[in-house]
Amino acid sequence: MNSILICLPGSVGLPEVASELRSRDYSVEASPTRLVVTRGEAKLWAEFDSSGELLSEYEPEEIELIRRAVGDFSGIILDYRDVRFANEVAAVIAMCWPCVIDDERGFFGSGEQFVEVFPPSSRGS
């Protein structure tokens, strides 16, 4: 399974992400710790980093960049099989809140930069 890591302001939680995705016609099944997001046959799983594991993924200068961009942050991990769908969902999230995205395939930057590189389809906006 592949992942996209999204660092969001600490005030953003699963309920806010689920609500925003539902408002954009994604099907979202929510549990206290995870979302299952689908549209048609595409599916991904979103889970907040409740253990602080993401902090161990980044160098101190990357953590400083994230904090400058979003302040105190929490991480959401999108696990996926369909990269286009994952990019679409990540871009939708990036259009809603300031964030830093790491797609683990070479992109590490602001949500605004991510949307420029991977704009969501008209269905996701």
Protein backbone atom coordinates (compact mmCIF):
# COMPACT_ATOMS: atom_id res chain seq x y z
CA MET A 1 0.00 0.00 0.00
CA ASN A 2 1.20 3.55 -0.77
CA SER A 3 0.74 6.61 1.41
CA ILE A 4 0.42 10.37 1.23
CA LEU A 5 1.20 12.24 4.45
CA ILE A 6 -0.67 15.49 5.10
CA CYS A 7 0.29 17.81 7.97
CA LEU A 8 -2.75 19.88 8.96
CA PRO A 9 -3.39 22.45 11.69
CA GLY A 10 -3.88 20.65 15.00
CA SER A 11 -7.45 21.97 15.21
CA VAL A 12 -8.50 19.87 12.18
CA GLY A 13 -9.74 16.38 12.99
CA LEU A 14 -11.39 13.43 11.29
CA PRO A 15 -14.92 14.86 11.64
CA GLU A 16 -13.93 18.05 9.77
CA VAL A 17 -12.19 16.13 7.00
CA ALA A 18 -15.13 13.71 6.67
CA SER A 19 -17.63 16.57 6.52
CA GLU A 20 -15.68 18.41 3.85
CA LEU A 21 -15.29 15.31 1.68
CA ARG A 22 -18.98 14.43 2.00
CA SER A 23 -19.89 17.97 0.92
CA ARG A 24 -17.95 17.27 -2.28
CA ASP A 25 -19.83 14.06 -3.06
CA TYR A 26 -17.34 11.53 -1.76
CA SER A 27 -18.73 8.56 0.13
CA VAL A 28 -17.16 8.53 3.59
CA GLU A 29 -17.47 5.81 6.24
CA ALA A 30 -16.17 7.09 9.55
CA SER A 31 -15.00 5.38 12.69
CA PRO A 32 -13.37 7.15 15.64
CA THR A 33 -9.89 6.55 14.21
CA ARG A 34 -10.27 6.09 10.46
CA LEU A 35 -12.13 7.17 7.35
CA VAL A 36 -12.82 5.04 4.31
CA VAL A 37 -13.26 7.37 1.34
CA THR A 38 -14.74 6.11 -1.93
CA ARG A 39 -16.02 7.39 -5.22
CA GLY A 40 -17.12 4.75 -7.68
CA GLU A 41 -14.56 1.95 -7.58
CA ALA A 42 -11.77 4.12 -6.11
CA LYS A 43 -11.06 3.80 -2.39
CA LEU A 44 -8.57 5.06 0.18
CA TRP A 45 -8.17 4.93 3.92
CA ALA A 46 -7.42 8.02 6.00
CA GLU A 47 -6.10 7.83 9.52
CA PHE A 48 -4.81 10.53 11.85
CA ASP A 49 -1.36 10.05 13.30
CA SER A 50 -2.43 9.74 16.93
CA SER A 51 0.95 8.41 18.08
CA GLY A 52 3.09 11.25 16.68
CA GLU A 53 4.86 8.85 14.34
CA LEU A 54 5.14 11.49 11.61
CA LEU A 55 7.56 13.51 13.71
CA SER A 56 10.07 10.66 13.37
CA GLU A 57 9.69 10.75 9.56
CA TYR A 58 11.08 14.27 9.16
CA GLU A 59 14.35 16.07 9.69
CA PRO A 60 14.33 19.06 12.07
CA GLU A 61 14.38 21.55 9.17
CA GLU A 62 11.35 19.85 7.61
CA ILE A 63 9.48 19.98 10.91
CA GLU A 64 10.30 23.69 11.15
CA LEU A 65 8.96 24.23 7.61
CA ILE A 66 5.74 22.42 8.54
CA ARG A 67 5.33 24.45 11.72
CA ARG A 68 5.90 27.72 9.85
CA ALA A 69 3.23 26.70 7.33
CA VAL A 70 0.53 25.34 9.65
CA GLY A 71 1.56 25.96 13.27
CA ASP A 72 1.00 23.13 15.70
CA PHE A 73 0.08 20.27 13.44
CA SER A 74 -1.37 16.82 13.31
CA GLY A 75 -0.82 14.37 10.52
CA ILE A 76 -3.24 12.45 8.39
CA ILE A 77 -2.08 9.43 6.43
CA LEU A 78 -3.88 8.52 3.21
CA ASP A 79 -3.27 4.87 2.33
CA TYR A 80 -4.20 4.07 -1.24
CA ARG A 81 -3.85 1.85 -4.28
CA ASP A 82 -5.09 4.37 -6.91
CA VAL A 83 -2.63 7.29 -7.03
CA ARG A 84 -4.94 9.51 -9.09
CA PHE A 85 -7.73 9.17 -6.54
CA ALA A 86 -5.34 9.77 -3.64
CA ASN A 87 -3.94 12.89 -5.34
CA GLU A 88 -7.50 14.14 -5.91
CA VAL A 89 -8.49 13.66 -2.27
CA ALA A 90 -5.23 15.22 -1.03
CA ALA A 91 -5.78 18.23 -3.31
CA VAL A 92 -9.33 18.68 -1.99
CA ILE A 93 -8.00 18.64 1.58
CA ALA A 94 -5.28 21.11 0.57
CA MET A 95 -7.90 23.50 -0.80
CA CYS A 96 -9.70 23.49 2.56
CA TRP A 97 -6.89 24.03 5.07
CA PRO A 98 -3.28 25.19 5.07
CA CYS A 99 -1.14 22.07 4.99
CA VAL A 100 2.13 20.47 3.98
CA ILE A 101 1.97 17.34 1.83
CA ASP A 102 4.53 14.57 1.41
CA ASP A 103 3.48 12.12 -1.29
CA GLU A 104 6.49 9.85 -0.63
CA ARG A 105 7.16 9.87 -4.38
CA GLY A 106 9.23 13.05 -4.49
CA PHE A 107 6.78 15.83 -3.62
CA PHE A 108 7.20 17.65 -0.30
CA GLY A 109 5.64 21.09 -0.11
CA SER A 110 2.68 23.26 0.69
CA GLY A 111 -0.87 22.28 -0.12
CA GLU A 112 -1.02 25.20 -2.58
CA GLN A 113 1.99 23.83 -4.46
CA PHE A 114 0.44 20.35 -4.45
CA VAL A 115 -2.79 21.66 -5.99
CA GLU A 116 -0.77 23.39 -8.73
CA VAL A 117 1.01 20.13 -9.55
CA PHE A 118 -1.96 17.78 -9.01
CA PRO A 119 -5.18 19.77 -9.54
CA PRO A 120 -8.33 17.88 -8.56
CA SER A 121 -10.77 16.88 -11.26
CA SER A 122 -13.93 18.93 -11.58
CA ARG A 123 -15.71 16.16 -9.64
CA GLY A 124 -13.51 16.71 -6.59
CA SER A 125 -13.74 20.49 -6.42
